[in-house]
Amino acid sequence: MKKKVFTMKIVLFTMILSVNSCTPQYSVDYAASLKDCLTSNDVELLNKACQTFEMKLLNKYKGQELGNAYKKYLQDIQAMNILPSYFVSSDSKKILQEFKNSKLFDKVWTKVSSLEDYQDIEIVTTDSLETDPEQENDSYCMNPNGEYLNCLIKQNQNKTILDYLEAIKATPDISPGLTAGIVHKNLTEEDFNDGLTRLIIAVGFYYEIGIIFEKE
C-alpha cells in the first residue's frame, strides 16, 4: 500500500512539472496604453509578440537583466552582429501570421510601393539590409499612416522614442541599423525598463527586420 501511494505521488509530481514547463514564466502588458486606438485583440497580440521576443532575448543574453538585454540587443542591431536566422524563426513567423490573420499586420506595416510620393523618400540602408533594386518596392516598412504608429506617437511620453517614431513616419524605409544606434545612445537605463519602449523595440527592431530578411 505504501509503495502504491509513493508511486502515485511520483506520477502526480511528474504531471505538475510537465504542466509548469509548458506555462510561460511571466506575461507582459506593455500595449495597455494603446487600447484607446487599437482593438483589444490588437493589444493582446502585441503583448504576445513582445513576450515571445523577450523569451528569445533572455536566451540570447543569458545572465543579463532584461533591460540590459534590450540595450545590448540594440547595440548588436546597430553593428548588425546578429544572423538573419535569429529574426526569421518559427516563432516570429507564427506571430506575424497571427498579425496577418487579425489584420493587425496592415495597421503596423505596408509595402513600400504603396506609399505616395515614394520617389521622394530617401532610402537609407546598411550593407546587411540592402535589397535588390527590383525588389525594393515590394519590401515592407512601417506604415506611416497606420493606426499602430499614430497610436504610439499619441501615447508616447519619451522624447527619444518620439523622435524615432517621427523619423520613421517621415522616412518609413530608414535603416533599422541607423535608428537603433540613435535610440540606444539616447535612452537611459530607466527607459529600457519602460513597457511601451520595449514593445516599440520588439516590433520595430525584431519583427520588422524579420520581414525584411524573409523577403530577400
N, C-alpha and C. Protein backbone atom coordinates (compact mmCIF):
# COMPACT_ATOMS: atom_id res chain seq x y z
N MET A 1 0.83 -1.21 0.00
CA MET A 1 0.00 0.00 0.00
C MET A 1 0.86 1.25 0.00
N LYS A 2 1.89 1.25 0.86
CA LYS A 2 2.79 2.40 0.93
C LYS A 2 3.50 2.61 -0.41
N LYS A 3 3.89 1.49 -1.03
CA LYS A 3 4.58 1.57 -2.31
C LYS A 3 3.66 2.18 -3.37
N LYS A 4 2.36 1.81 -3.34
CA LYS A 4 1.38 2.32 -4.30
C LYS A 4 1.18 3.81 -4.11
N VAL A 5 1.07 4.25 -2.85
CA VAL A 5 0.90 5.68 -2.56
C VAL A 5 2.12 6.46 -3.02
N PHE A 6 3.30 5.91 -2.78
CA PHE A 6 4.55 6.57 -3.20
C PHE A 6 4.61 6.72 -4.71
N THR A 7 4.19 5.66 -5.41
CA THR A 7 4.18 5.70 -6.88
C THR A 7 3.22 6.76 -7.39
N MET A 8 2.06 6.86 -6.76
CA MET A 8 1.07 7.86 -7.17
C MET A 8 1.60 9.28 -6.96
N LYS A 9 2.34 9.48 -5.88
CA LYS A 9 2.93 10.79 -5.61
C LYS A 9 3.96 11.15 -6.68
N ILE A 10 4.74 10.16 -7.09
CA ILE A 10 5.74 10.39 -8.14
C ILE A 10 5.05 10.79 -9.45
N VAL A 11 3.97 10.09 -9.78
CA VAL A 11 3.23 10.38 -11.02
C VAL A 11 2.65 11.79 -10.96
N LEU A 12 2.06 12.15 -9.80
CA LEU A 12 1.46 13.47 -9.64
C LEU A 12 2.52 14.56 -9.73
N PHE A 13 3.67 14.34 -9.11
CA PHE A 13 4.76 15.31 -9.16
C PHE A 13 5.25 15.51 -10.59
N THR A 14 5.34 14.40 -11.34
CA THR A 14 5.77 14.47 -12.74
C THR A 14 4.78 15.27 -13.58
N MET A 15 3.49 15.07 -13.31
CA MET A 15 2.46 15.79 -14.06
C MET A 15 2.54 17.29 -13.78
N ILE A 16 2.78 17.64 -12.52
CA ILE A 16 2.89 19.06 -12.15
C ILE A 16 4.06 19.71 -12.85
N LEU A 17 5.20 19.01 -12.87
CA LEU A 17 6.38 19.54 -13.55
C LEU A 17 6.11 19.72 -15.03
N SER A 18 5.38 18.76 -15.63
CA SER A 18 5.07 18.83 -17.06
C SER A 18 4.21 20.04 -17.38
N VAL A 19 3.19 20.30 -16.54
CA VAL A 19 2.31 21.45 -16.75
C VAL A 19 3.08 22.74 -16.60
N ASN A 20 3.92 22.83 -15.57
CA ASN A 20 4.69 24.06 -15.33
C ASN A 20 5.67 24.35 -16.44
N SER A 21 6.23 23.31 -17.04
CA SER A 21 7.21 23.51 -18.10
C SER A 21 6.57 24.07 -19.36
N CYS A 22 5.25 23.90 -19.51
CA CYS A 22 4.55 24.40 -20.69
C CYS A 22 3.92 25.77 -20.44
N THR A 23 4.03 26.26 -19.22
CA THR A 23 3.42 27.53 -18.87
C THR A 23 4.45 28.65 -18.90
N PRO A 24 4.19 29.77 -19.61
CA PRO A 24 5.13 30.88 -19.64
C PRO A 24 5.47 31.35 -18.23
N GLN A 25 6.72 31.72 -18.02
CA GLN A 25 7.18 32.13 -16.70
C GLN A 25 6.57 33.47 -16.30
N TYR A 26 6.15 34.27 -17.26
CA TYR A 26 5.58 35.57 -16.94
C TYR A 26 4.77 36.05 -18.15
N SER A 27 4.03 37.10 -17.97
CA SER A 27 3.31 37.70 -19.08
C SER A 27 3.56 39.20 -19.06
N VAL A 28 3.35 39.85 -20.19
CA VAL A 28 3.57 41.28 -20.28
C VAL A 28 2.28 41.99 -20.65
N ASP A 29 2.21 43.25 -20.33
CA ASP A 29 1.04 44.07 -20.67
C ASP A 29 1.53 45.43 -21.14
N TYR A 30 2.50 45.41 -22.03
CA TYR A 30 3.14 46.63 -22.49
C TYR A 30 2.24 47.48 -23.38
N ALA A 31 1.28 46.85 -24.05
CA ALA A 31 0.45 47.56 -25.03
C ALA A 31 -0.83 48.12 -24.43
N ALA A 32 -0.95 48.07 -23.12
CA ALA A 32 -2.20 48.50 -22.46
C ALA A 32 -2.56 49.94 -22.79
N SER A 33 -1.55 50.81 -22.92
CA SER A 33 -1.82 52.23 -23.17
C SER A 33 -2.32 52.49 -24.59
N LEU A 34 -2.31 51.45 -25.44
CA LEU A 34 -2.76 51.62 -26.83
C LEU A 34 -4.21 51.20 -27.03
N LYS A 35 -4.88 50.81 -25.94
CA LYS A 35 -6.23 50.27 -26.07
C LYS A 35 -7.26 51.30 -26.51
N ASP A 36 -6.92 52.59 -26.42
CA ASP A 36 -7.87 53.62 -26.84
C ASP A 36 -7.92 53.78 -28.36
N CYS A 37 -6.85 53.32 -29.05
CA CYS A 37 -6.84 53.47 -30.51
C CYS A 37 -6.58 52.16 -31.26
N LEU A 38 -6.44 51.06 -30.53
CA LEU A 38 -6.34 49.74 -31.16
C LEU A 38 -7.35 48.82 -30.49
N THR A 39 -7.70 47.73 -31.14
CA THR A 39 -8.67 46.81 -30.58
C THR A 39 -8.05 45.99 -29.45
N SER A 40 -8.89 45.40 -28.64
CA SER A 40 -8.40 44.57 -27.54
C SER A 40 -7.61 43.38 -28.08
N ASN A 41 -8.02 42.87 -29.24
CA ASN A 41 -7.29 41.76 -29.86
C ASN A 41 -5.92 42.22 -30.34
N ASP A 42 -5.84 43.44 -30.88
CA ASP A 42 -4.55 44.00 -31.29
C ASP A 42 -3.60 44.10 -30.10
N VAL A 43 -4.13 44.62 -29.00
CA VAL A 43 -3.33 44.79 -27.79
C VAL A 43 -2.83 43.44 -27.29
N GLU A 44 -3.69 42.45 -27.31
CA GLU A 44 -3.33 41.10 -26.86
C GLU A 44 -2.22 40.52 -27.73
N LEU A 45 -2.35 40.68 -29.05
CA LEU A 45 -1.35 40.15 -29.96
C LEU A 45 0.00 40.87 -29.82
N LEU A 46 -0.04 42.18 -29.62
CA LEU A 46 1.19 42.93 -29.43
C LEU A 46 1.91 42.48 -28.16
N ASN A 47 1.16 42.25 -27.11
CA ASN A 47 1.75 41.75 -25.86
C ASN A 47 2.35 40.36 -26.06
N LYS A 48 1.64 39.52 -26.79
CA LYS A 48 2.12 38.17 -27.07
C LYS A 48 3.40 38.22 -27.89
N ALA A 49 3.43 39.11 -28.87
CA ALA A 49 4.62 39.26 -29.72
C ALA A 49 5.82 39.70 -28.90
N CYS A 50 5.59 40.63 -27.99
CA CYS A 50 6.68 41.15 -27.17
C CYS A 50 7.16 40.08 -26.19
N GLN A 51 6.25 39.32 -25.63
CA GLN A 51 6.64 38.26 -24.72
C GLN A 51 7.48 37.20 -25.43
N THR A 52 7.07 36.85 -26.65
CA THR A 52 7.82 35.88 -27.45
C THR A 52 9.23 36.39 -27.73
N PHE A 53 9.33 37.66 -28.07
CA PHE A 53 10.63 38.27 -28.34
C PHE A 53 11.50 38.26 -27.09
N GLU A 54 10.92 38.58 -25.95
CA GLU A 54 11.70 38.65 -24.71
C GLU A 54 12.24 37.29 -24.31
N MET A 55 11.50 36.23 -24.58
CA MET A 55 11.99 34.89 -24.29
C MET A 55 13.23 34.59 -25.13
N LYS A 56 13.22 35.01 -26.39
CA LYS A 56 14.39 34.84 -27.25
C LYS A 56 15.54 35.73 -26.78
N LEU A 57 15.20 36.91 -26.33
CA LEU A 57 16.20 37.87 -25.87
C LEU A 57 16.93 37.34 -24.64
N LEU A 58 16.18 36.82 -23.68
CA LEU A 58 16.78 36.29 -22.45
C LEU A 58 17.62 35.06 -22.74
N ASN A 59 17.22 34.32 -23.76
CA ASN A 59 18.01 33.14 -24.15
C ASN A 59 19.32 33.55 -24.82
N LYS A 60 19.26 34.65 -25.58
CA LYS A 60 20.45 35.12 -26.29
C LYS A 60 21.45 35.79 -25.34
N TYR A 61 20.92 36.59 -24.43
CA TYR A 61 21.78 37.33 -23.50
C TYR A 61 21.62 36.74 -22.09
N LYS A 62 22.06 35.52 -21.95
CA LYS A 62 21.90 34.79 -20.69
C LYS A 62 22.62 35.51 -19.54
N GLY A 63 21.95 35.56 -18.41
CA GLY A 63 22.55 36.17 -17.23
C GLY A 63 22.38 37.67 -17.15
N GLN A 64 21.80 38.28 -18.19
CA GLN A 64 21.61 39.73 -18.21
C GLN A 64 20.22 40.09 -17.68
N GLU A 65 20.15 41.23 -17.00
CA GLU A 65 18.85 41.78 -16.65
C GLU A 65 18.13 42.12 -17.96
N LEU A 66 16.81 42.03 -17.95
CA LEU A 66 16.05 42.21 -19.19
C LEU A 66 16.30 43.58 -19.82
N GLY A 67 16.31 44.63 -19.01
CA GLY A 67 16.55 45.97 -19.54
C GLY A 67 17.91 46.07 -20.22
N ASN A 68 18.92 45.45 -19.62
CA ASN A 68 20.26 45.46 -20.20
C ASN A 68 20.32 44.61 -21.47
N ALA A 69 19.52 43.54 -21.50
CA ALA A 69 19.46 42.70 -22.70
C ALA A 69 18.90 43.50 -23.88
N TYR A 70 17.88 44.32 -23.61
CA TYR A 70 17.34 45.19 -24.65
C TYR A 70 18.42 46.15 -25.15
N LYS A 71 19.19 46.70 -24.25
CA LYS A 71 20.25 47.64 -24.61
C LYS A 71 21.31 46.97 -25.47
N LYS A 72 21.75 45.79 -25.05
CA LYS A 72 22.76 45.07 -25.82
C LYS A 72 22.23 44.66 -27.19
N TYR A 73 20.94 44.35 -27.23
CA TYR A 73 20.32 43.97 -28.50
C TYR A 73 20.39 45.12 -29.50
N LEU A 74 20.06 46.33 -29.07
CA LEU A 74 20.14 47.48 -29.97
C LEU A 74 21.58 47.72 -30.43
N GLN A 75 22.54 47.49 -29.54
CA GLN A 75 23.94 47.63 -29.92
C GLN A 75 24.29 46.65 -31.04
N ASP A 76 23.81 45.43 -30.91
CA ASP A 76 24.08 44.41 -31.92
C ASP A 76 23.35 44.70 -33.22
N ILE A 77 22.17 45.29 -33.13
CA ILE A 77 21.45 45.68 -34.34
C ILE A 77 22.22 46.77 -35.07
N GLN A 78 22.72 47.73 -34.31
CA GLN A 78 23.49 48.82 -34.91
C GLN A 78 24.70 48.28 -35.67
N ALA A 79 25.37 47.30 -35.08
CA ALA A 79 26.57 46.72 -35.71
C ALA A 79 26.22 45.56 -36.64
N MET A 80 24.93 45.18 -36.68
CA MET A 80 24.45 44.03 -37.46
C MET A 80 25.27 42.79 -37.13
N ASN A 81 25.36 42.50 -35.85
CA ASN A 81 26.09 41.32 -35.37
C ASN A 81 25.17 40.14 -35.10
N ILE A 82 23.98 40.17 -35.66
CA ILE A 82 23.01 39.11 -35.44
C ILE A 82 22.68 38.44 -36.77
N LEU A 83 22.69 37.12 -36.79
CA LEU A 83 22.42 36.38 -38.01
C LEU A 83 20.95 36.51 -38.42
N PRO A 84 20.66 36.49 -39.72
CA PRO A 84 19.28 36.58 -40.21
C PRO A 84 18.36 35.53 -39.61
N SER A 85 18.91 34.35 -39.33
CA SER A 85 18.09 33.27 -38.79
C SER A 85 17.49 33.61 -37.43
N TYR A 86 18.10 34.55 -36.71
CA TYR A 86 17.56 34.96 -35.42
C TYR A 86 16.22 35.68 -35.59
N PHE A 87 16.11 36.41 -36.70
CA PHE A 87 14.89 37.18 -36.97
C PHE A 87 13.83 36.34 -37.66
N VAL A 88 14.27 35.46 -38.55
CA VAL A 88 13.33 34.63 -39.31
C VAL A 88 13.28 33.25 -38.65
N SER A 89 12.53 33.16 -37.58
CA SER A 89 12.41 31.91 -36.82
C SER A 89 10.98 31.41 -36.90
N SER A 90 10.77 30.19 -36.47
CA SER A 90 9.41 29.64 -36.47
C SER A 90 8.50 30.46 -35.55
N ASP A 91 9.07 30.95 -34.44
CA ASP A 91 8.29 31.76 -33.50
C ASP A 91 7.85 33.08 -34.12
N SER A 92 8.79 33.76 -34.78
CA SER A 92 8.46 35.06 -35.37
C SER A 92 7.47 34.90 -36.53
N LYS A 93 7.63 33.85 -37.31
CA LYS A 93 6.71 33.60 -38.41
C LYS A 93 5.29 33.33 -37.91
N LYS A 94 5.21 32.61 -36.81
CA LYS A 94 3.90 32.31 -36.23
C LYS A 94 3.21 33.58 -35.74
N ILE A 95 3.98 34.44 -35.07
CA ILE A 95 3.42 35.70 -34.58
C ILE A 95 2.95 36.56 -35.75
N LEU A 96 3.79 36.70 -36.78
CA LEU A 96 3.44 37.53 -37.92
C LEU A 96 2.21 36.99 -38.66
N GLN A 97 2.07 35.67 -38.69
CA GLN A 97 0.89 35.09 -39.32
C GLN A 97 -0.36 35.44 -38.53
N GLU A 98 -0.23 35.46 -37.20
CA GLU A 98 -1.36 35.87 -36.36
C GLU A 98 -1.70 37.34 -36.60
N PHE A 99 -0.67 38.16 -36.81
CA PHE A 99 -0.89 39.56 -37.16
C PHE A 99 -1.70 39.67 -38.44
N LYS A 100 -1.32 38.88 -39.44
CA LYS A 100 -1.99 38.93 -40.73
C LYS A 100 -3.43 38.43 -40.63
N ASN A 101 -3.62 37.37 -39.89
CA ASN A 101 -4.97 36.81 -39.73
C ASN A 101 -5.93 37.79 -39.06
N SER A 102 -5.38 38.63 -38.19
CA SER A 102 -6.23 39.57 -37.46
C SER A 102 -6.26 40.95 -38.11
N LYS A 103 -5.48 41.12 -39.17
CA LYS A 103 -5.35 42.39 -39.89
C LYS A 103 -4.53 43.43 -39.12
N LEU A 104 -3.92 43.02 -38.01
CA LEU A 104 -3.03 43.93 -37.29
C LEU A 104 -1.79 44.23 -38.13
N PHE A 105 -1.39 43.28 -38.95
CA PHE A 105 -0.21 43.46 -39.80
C PHE A 105 -0.31 44.75 -40.61
N ASP A 106 -1.46 44.99 -41.23
CA ASP A 106 -1.64 46.17 -42.08
C ASP A 106 -1.71 47.46 -41.27
N LYS A 107 -2.01 47.35 -39.99
CA LYS A 107 -2.01 48.53 -39.13
C LYS A 107 -0.60 48.93 -38.74
N VAL A 108 0.33 47.97 -38.87
CA VAL A 108 1.72 48.21 -38.48
C VAL A 108 2.62 48.46 -39.68
N TRP A 109 2.50 47.61 -40.72
CA TRP A 109 3.40 47.70 -41.87
C TRP A 109 2.63 47.88 -43.18
N THR A 110 3.36 48.32 -44.18
CA THR A 110 2.79 48.45 -45.52
C THR A 110 3.90 48.21 -46.54
N LYS A 111 3.51 47.89 -47.77
CA LYS A 111 4.51 47.76 -48.83
C LYS A 111 5.05 49.13 -49.20
N VAL A 112 6.34 49.19 -49.44
CA VAL A 112 6.97 50.46 -49.82
C VAL A 112 6.31 51.01 -51.07
N SER A 113 5.93 50.11 -51.98
CA SER A 113 5.34 50.54 -53.25
C SER A 113 3.98 51.20 -53.06
N SER A 114 3.36 51.01 -51.90
CA SER A 114 2.03 51.59 -51.67
C SER A 114 2.10 53.02 -51.17
N LEU A 115 3.30 53.49 -50.81
CA LEU A 115 3.44 54.83 -50.26
C LEU A 115 3.35 55.90 -51.35
N GLU A 116 2.57 56.93 -51.09
CA GLU A 116 2.50 58.04 -52.02
C GLU A 116 3.82 58.81 -51.97
N ASP A 117 4.21 59.37 -53.10
CA ASP A 117 5.45 60.14 -53.19
C ASP A 117 6.65 59.31 -52.75
N TYR A 118 6.58 57.99 -53.02
CA TYR A 118 7.68 57.11 -52.62
C TYR A 118 9.00 57.56 -53.23
N GLN A 119 8.94 58.10 -54.46
CA GLN A 119 10.16 58.51 -55.13
C GLN A 119 10.89 59.62 -54.37
N ASP A 120 10.19 60.32 -53.48
CA ASP A 120 10.82 61.40 -52.73
C ASP A 120 11.43 60.92 -51.42
N ILE A 121 11.22 59.63 -51.08
CA ILE A 121 11.75 59.10 -49.83
C ILE A 121 13.19 58.65 -50.03
N GLU A 122 14.06 59.13 -49.18
CA GLU A 122 15.46 58.75 -49.26
C GLU A 122 15.64 57.39 -48.60
N ILE A 123 16.15 56.43 -49.36
CA ILE A 123 16.34 55.08 -48.83
C ILE A 123 17.69 55.01 -48.14
N VAL A 124 17.68 54.73 -46.84
CA VAL A 124 18.91 54.63 -46.06
C VAL A 124 19.01 53.22 -45.54
N THR A 125 20.03 52.47 -45.97
CA THR A 125 20.16 51.08 -45.56
C THR A 125 21.57 50.79 -45.09
N THR A 126 21.73 49.71 -44.34
CA THR A 126 23.05 49.20 -44.02
C THR A 126 23.38 48.16 -45.07
N ASP A 127 24.65 47.80 -45.20
CA ASP A 127 25.04 46.80 -46.20
C ASP A 127 24.31 45.49 -45.99
N SER A 128 24.09 45.13 -44.72
CA SER A 128 23.46 43.85 -44.42
C SER A 128 21.99 43.81 -44.78
N LEU A 129 21.37 44.98 -44.90
CA LEU A 129 19.94 45.02 -45.18
C LEU A 129 19.62 45.54 -46.57
N GLU A 130 20.62 45.69 -47.42
CA GLU A 130 20.37 46.17 -48.77
C GLU A 130 19.61 45.12 -49.55
N THR A 131 18.70 45.56 -50.38
CA THR A 131 17.91 44.65 -51.20
C THR A 131 18.14 44.94 -52.66
N ASP A 132 17.75 43.97 -53.48
CA ASP A 132 17.84 44.13 -54.92
C ASP A 132 16.94 45.29 -55.32
N PRO A 133 17.44 46.23 -56.17
CA PRO A 133 16.62 47.37 -56.59
C PRO A 133 15.27 46.97 -57.14
N GLU A 134 15.20 45.79 -57.81
CA GLU A 134 13.94 45.35 -58.38
C GLU A 134 12.96 44.90 -57.30
N GLN A 135 13.50 44.58 -56.09
CA GLN A 135 12.64 44.09 -55.02
C GLN A 135 12.30 45.18 -54.01
N GLU A 136 12.97 46.33 -54.09
CA GLU A 136 12.79 47.36 -53.08
C GLU A 136 11.34 47.79 -52.92
N ASN A 137 10.66 48.00 -54.04
CA ASN A 137 9.28 48.48 -53.98
C ASN A 137 8.33 47.42 -53.45
N ASP A 138 8.80 46.16 -53.35
CA ASP A 138 7.96 45.09 -52.86
C ASP A 138 8.25 44.77 -51.40
N SER A 139 9.20 45.49 -50.80
CA SER A 139 9.54 45.25 -49.41
C SER A 139 8.55 45.97 -48.49
N TYR A 140 8.61 45.63 -47.22
CA TYR A 140 7.71 46.24 -46.24
C TYR A 140 8.44 47.22 -45.34
N CYS A 141 7.70 48.19 -44.85
CA CYS A 141 8.24 49.16 -43.89
C CYS A 141 7.10 49.56 -42.96
N MET A 142 7.42 50.31 -41.93
CA MET A 142 6.38 50.79 -41.02
C MET A 142 5.37 51.63 -41.79
N ASN A 143 4.12 51.40 -41.52
CA ASN A 143 3.05 52.15 -42.20
C ASN A 143 2.95 53.54 -41.58
N PRO A 144 3.35 54.58 -42.31
CA PRO A 144 3.34 55.93 -41.73
C PRO A 144 1.94 56.45 -41.43
N ASN A 145 0.94 55.84 -42.06
CA ASN A 145 -0.45 56.25 -41.83
C ASN A 145 -1.23 55.20 -41.04
N GLY A 146 -0.51 54.20 -40.53
CA GLY A 146 -1.17 53.11 -39.83
C GLY A 146 -1.59 53.47 -38.41
N GLU A 147 -2.60 52.77 -37.93
CA GLU A 147 -3.12 53.03 -36.59
C GLU A 147 -2.06 52.79 -35.51
N TYR A 148 -1.19 51.79 -35.74
CA TYR A 148 -0.18 51.45 -34.74
C TYR A 148 0.79 52.60 -34.50
N LEU A 149 1.41 53.10 -35.57
CA LEU A 149 2.39 54.17 -35.43
C LEU A 149 1.75 55.44 -34.89
N ASN A 150 0.60 55.80 -35.41
CA ASN A 150 -0.06 57.01 -34.95
C ASN A 150 -0.50 56.90 -33.49
N CYS A 151 -0.89 55.69 -33.09
CA CYS A 151 -1.27 55.47 -31.70
C CYS A 151 -0.05 55.61 -30.79
N LEU A 152 1.09 55.08 -31.22
CA LEU A 152 2.32 55.20 -30.44
C LEU A 152 2.72 56.66 -30.26
N ILE A 153 2.65 57.42 -31.33
CA ILE A 153 3.01 58.84 -31.27
C ILE A 153 2.09 59.58 -30.30
N LYS A 154 0.82 59.21 -30.32
CA LYS A 154 -0.16 59.86 -29.45
C LYS A 154 0.08 59.52 -27.97
N GLN A 155 0.46 58.29 -27.69
CA GLN A 155 0.56 57.82 -26.32
C GLN A 155 1.97 57.93 -25.72
N ASN A 156 2.98 58.09 -26.55
CA ASN A 156 4.35 58.07 -26.05
C ASN A 156 4.72 59.38 -25.35
N GLN A 157 5.51 59.26 -24.28
CA GLN A 157 5.94 60.41 -23.50
C GLN A 157 7.46 60.61 -23.54
N ASN A 158 8.19 59.65 -24.12
CA ASN A 158 9.65 59.70 -24.12
C ASN A 158 10.14 60.44 -25.37
N LYS A 159 10.94 61.51 -25.17
CA LYS A 159 11.38 62.34 -26.29
C LYS A 159 12.22 61.55 -27.30
N THR A 160 13.13 60.72 -26.82
CA THR A 160 13.97 59.94 -27.72
C THR A 160 13.12 59.01 -28.59
N ILE A 161 12.17 58.33 -27.98
CA ILE A 161 11.30 57.43 -28.72
C ILE A 161 10.38 58.21 -29.65
N LEU A 162 9.91 59.35 -29.19
CA LEU A 162 9.04 60.17 -30.04
C LEU A 162 9.80 60.66 -31.27
N ASP A 163 11.06 61.07 -31.10
CA ASP A 163 11.88 61.48 -32.23
C ASP A 163 12.06 60.32 -33.21
N TYR A 164 12.26 59.12 -32.68
CA TYR A 164 12.39 57.92 -33.52
C TYR A 164 11.11 57.66 -34.29
N LEU A 165 9.98 57.73 -33.62
CA LEU A 165 8.69 57.49 -34.27
C LEU A 165 8.40 58.51 -35.36
N GLU A 166 8.72 59.77 -35.08
CA GLU A 166 8.52 60.83 -36.07
C GLU A 166 9.45 60.63 -37.26
N ALA A 167 10.66 60.12 -36.99
CA ALA A 167 11.64 59.89 -38.07
C ALA A 167 11.15 58.80 -39.01
N ILE A 168 10.63 57.69 -38.45
CA ILE A 168 10.17 56.61 -39.33
C ILE A 168 8.83 56.96 -39.98
N LYS A 169 8.10 57.88 -39.41
CA LYS A 169 6.87 58.35 -40.06
C LYS A 169 7.23 59.19 -41.29
N ALA A 170 8.29 60.00 -41.15
CA ALA A 170 8.72 60.85 -42.26
C ALA A 170 9.49 60.04 -43.31
N THR A 171 10.27 59.05 -42.85
CA THR A 171 11.07 58.22 -43.76
C THR A 171 10.88 56.76 -43.37
N PRO A 172 9.79 56.14 -43.79
CA PRO A 172 9.45 54.79 -43.34
C PRO A 172 10.51 53.73 -43.62
N ASP A 173 11.28 53.90 -44.68
CA ASP A 173 12.23 52.86 -45.08
C ASP A 173 13.62 53.12 -44.51
N ILE A 174 13.74 53.95 -43.50
CA ILE A 174 15.04 54.25 -42.92
C ILE A 174 15.64 52.99 -42.30
N SER A 175 16.95 52.89 -42.32
CA SER A 175 17.64 51.69 -41.85
C SER A 175 17.45 51.44 -40.37
N PRO A 176 17.07 50.21 -39.97
CA PRO A 176 16.99 49.86 -38.55
C PRO A 176 18.34 49.99 -37.87
N GLY A 177 19.42 49.70 -38.61
CA GLY A 177 20.75 49.82 -38.03
C GLY A 177 21.07 51.25 -37.63
N LEU A 178 20.64 52.19 -38.44
CA LEU A 178 20.89 53.60 -38.16
C LEU A 178 20.05 54.06 -36.97
N THR A 179 18.78 53.76 -36.99
CA THR A 179 17.90 54.22 -35.91
C THR A 179 18.20 53.51 -34.59
N ALA A 180 18.64 52.26 -34.66
CA ALA A 180 18.98 51.52 -33.43
C ALA A 180 20.11 52.22 -32.69
N GLY A 181 21.09 52.71 -33.44
CA GLY A 181 22.21 53.41 -32.82
C GLY A 181 21.78 54.68 -32.13
N ILE A 182 20.89 55.42 -32.77
CA ILE A 182 20.41 56.68 -32.21
C ILE A 182 19.57 56.43 -30.96
N VAL A 183 18.68 55.45 -31.04
CA VAL A 183 17.82 55.13 -29.91
C VAL A 183 18.65 54.63 -28.73
N HIS A 184 19.57 53.73 -29.01
CA HIS A 184 20.43 53.17 -27.96
C HIS A 184 21.24 54.25 -27.26
N LYS A 185 21.76 55.16 -28.03
CA LYS A 185 22.64 56.20 -27.47
C LYS A 185 21.88 57.14 -26.54
N ASN A 186 20.62 57.39 -26.83
CA ASN A 186 19.88 58.43 -26.11
C ASN A 186 18.91 57.93 -25.04
N LEU A 187 18.70 56.62 -24.96
CA LEU A 187 17.83 56.08 -23.91
C LEU A 187 18.61 55.88 -22.63
N THR A 188 17.96 56.12 -21.50
CA THR A 188 18.58 55.90 -20.21
C THR A 188 18.33 54.46 -19.75
N GLU A 189 19.03 54.06 -18.67
CA GLU A 189 18.81 52.73 -18.12
C GLU A 189 17.34 52.55 -17.73
N GLU A 190 16.77 53.57 -17.17
CA GLU A 190 15.37 53.52 -16.75
C GLU A 190 14.43 53.36 -17.94
N ASP A 191 14.79 54.01 -19.05
CA ASP A 191 13.94 53.93 -20.26
C ASP A 191 13.80 52.50 -20.75
N PHE A 192 14.88 51.70 -20.60
CA PHE A 192 14.84 50.33 -21.09
C PHE A 192 13.94 49.43 -20.24
N ASN A 193 13.46 49.95 -19.12
CA ASN A 193 12.54 49.20 -18.28
C ASN A 193 11.09 49.61 -18.52
N ASP A 194 10.88 50.55 -19.44
CA ASP A 194 9.53 51.00 -19.76
C ASP A 194 8.87 50.04 -20.74
N GLY A 195 7.66 49.61 -20.41
CA GLY A 195 6.98 48.61 -21.22
C GLY A 195 6.71 49.04 -22.65
N LEU A 196 6.24 50.26 -22.86
CA LEU A 196 5.92 50.73 -24.20
C LEU A 196 7.19 50.84 -25.04
N THR A 197 8.29 51.27 -24.43
CA THR A 197 9.56 51.35 -25.13
C THR A 197 10.01 49.95 -25.57
N ARG A 198 9.85 48.99 -24.69
CA ARG A 198 10.22 47.61 -25.04
C ARG A 198 9.38 47.08 -26.19
N LEU A 199 8.10 47.41 -26.18
CA LEU A 199 7.21 46.98 -27.26
C LEU A 199 7.66 47.58 -28.59
N ILE A 200 8.00 48.85 -28.57
CA ILE A 200 8.44 49.54 -29.79
C ILE A 200 9.71 48.91 -30.34
N ILE A 201 10.63 48.54 -29.45
CA ILE A 201 11.87 47.89 -29.88
C ILE A 201 11.57 46.51 -30.47
N ALA A 202 10.70 45.76 -29.82
CA ALA A 202 10.38 44.42 -30.30
C ALA A 202 9.77 44.45 -31.69
N VAL A 203 8.81 45.34 -31.91
CA VAL A 203 8.12 45.41 -33.20
C VAL A 203 9.02 46.01 -34.28
N GLY A 204 9.70 47.12 -33.95
CA GLY A 204 10.48 47.84 -34.95
C GLY A 204 11.85 47.26 -35.24
N PHE A 205 12.43 46.57 -34.25
CA PHE A 205 13.80 46.08 -34.42
C PHE A 205 13.92 44.56 -34.36
N TYR A 206 12.81 43.88 -34.29
CA TYR A 206 12.85 42.42 -34.39
C TYR A 206 11.92 41.92 -35.49
N TYR A 207 10.64 42.13 -35.32
CA TYR A 207 9.69 41.60 -36.29
C TYR A 207 9.81 42.29 -37.65
N GLU A 208 10.05 43.59 -37.65
CA GLU A 208 10.18 44.29 -38.94
C GLU A 208 11.43 43.83 -39.68
N ILE A 209 12.52 43.64 -38.96
CA ILE A 209 13.75 43.14 -39.60
C ILE A 209 13.52 41.72 -40.11
N GLY A 210 12.74 40.95 -39.37
CA GLY A 210 12.42 39.60 -39.82
C GLY A 210 11.67 39.60 -41.14
N ILE A 211 10.77 40.56 -41.31
CA ILE A 211 10.03 40.69 -42.56
C ILE A 211 10.98 41.02 -43.70
N ILE A 212 11.93 41.92 -43.43
CA ILE A 212 12.90 42.33 -44.45
C ILE A 212 13.74 41.15 -44.90
N PHE A 213 14.28 40.38 -43.94
CA PHE A 213 15.11 39.25 -44.30
C PHE A 213 14.31 38.14 -44.98
N GLU A 214 13.06 37.97 -44.58
CA GLU A 214 12.22 36.93 -45.17
C GLU A 214 11.93 37.24 -46.63
N LYS A 215 11.87 38.53 -46.96
CA LYS A 215 11.57 38.93 -48.34
C LYS A 215 12.78 38.81 -49.26
N GLU A 216 13.98 38.71 -48.67
CA GLU A 216 15.19 38.68 -49.51
C GLU A 216 15.41 37.30 -50.10
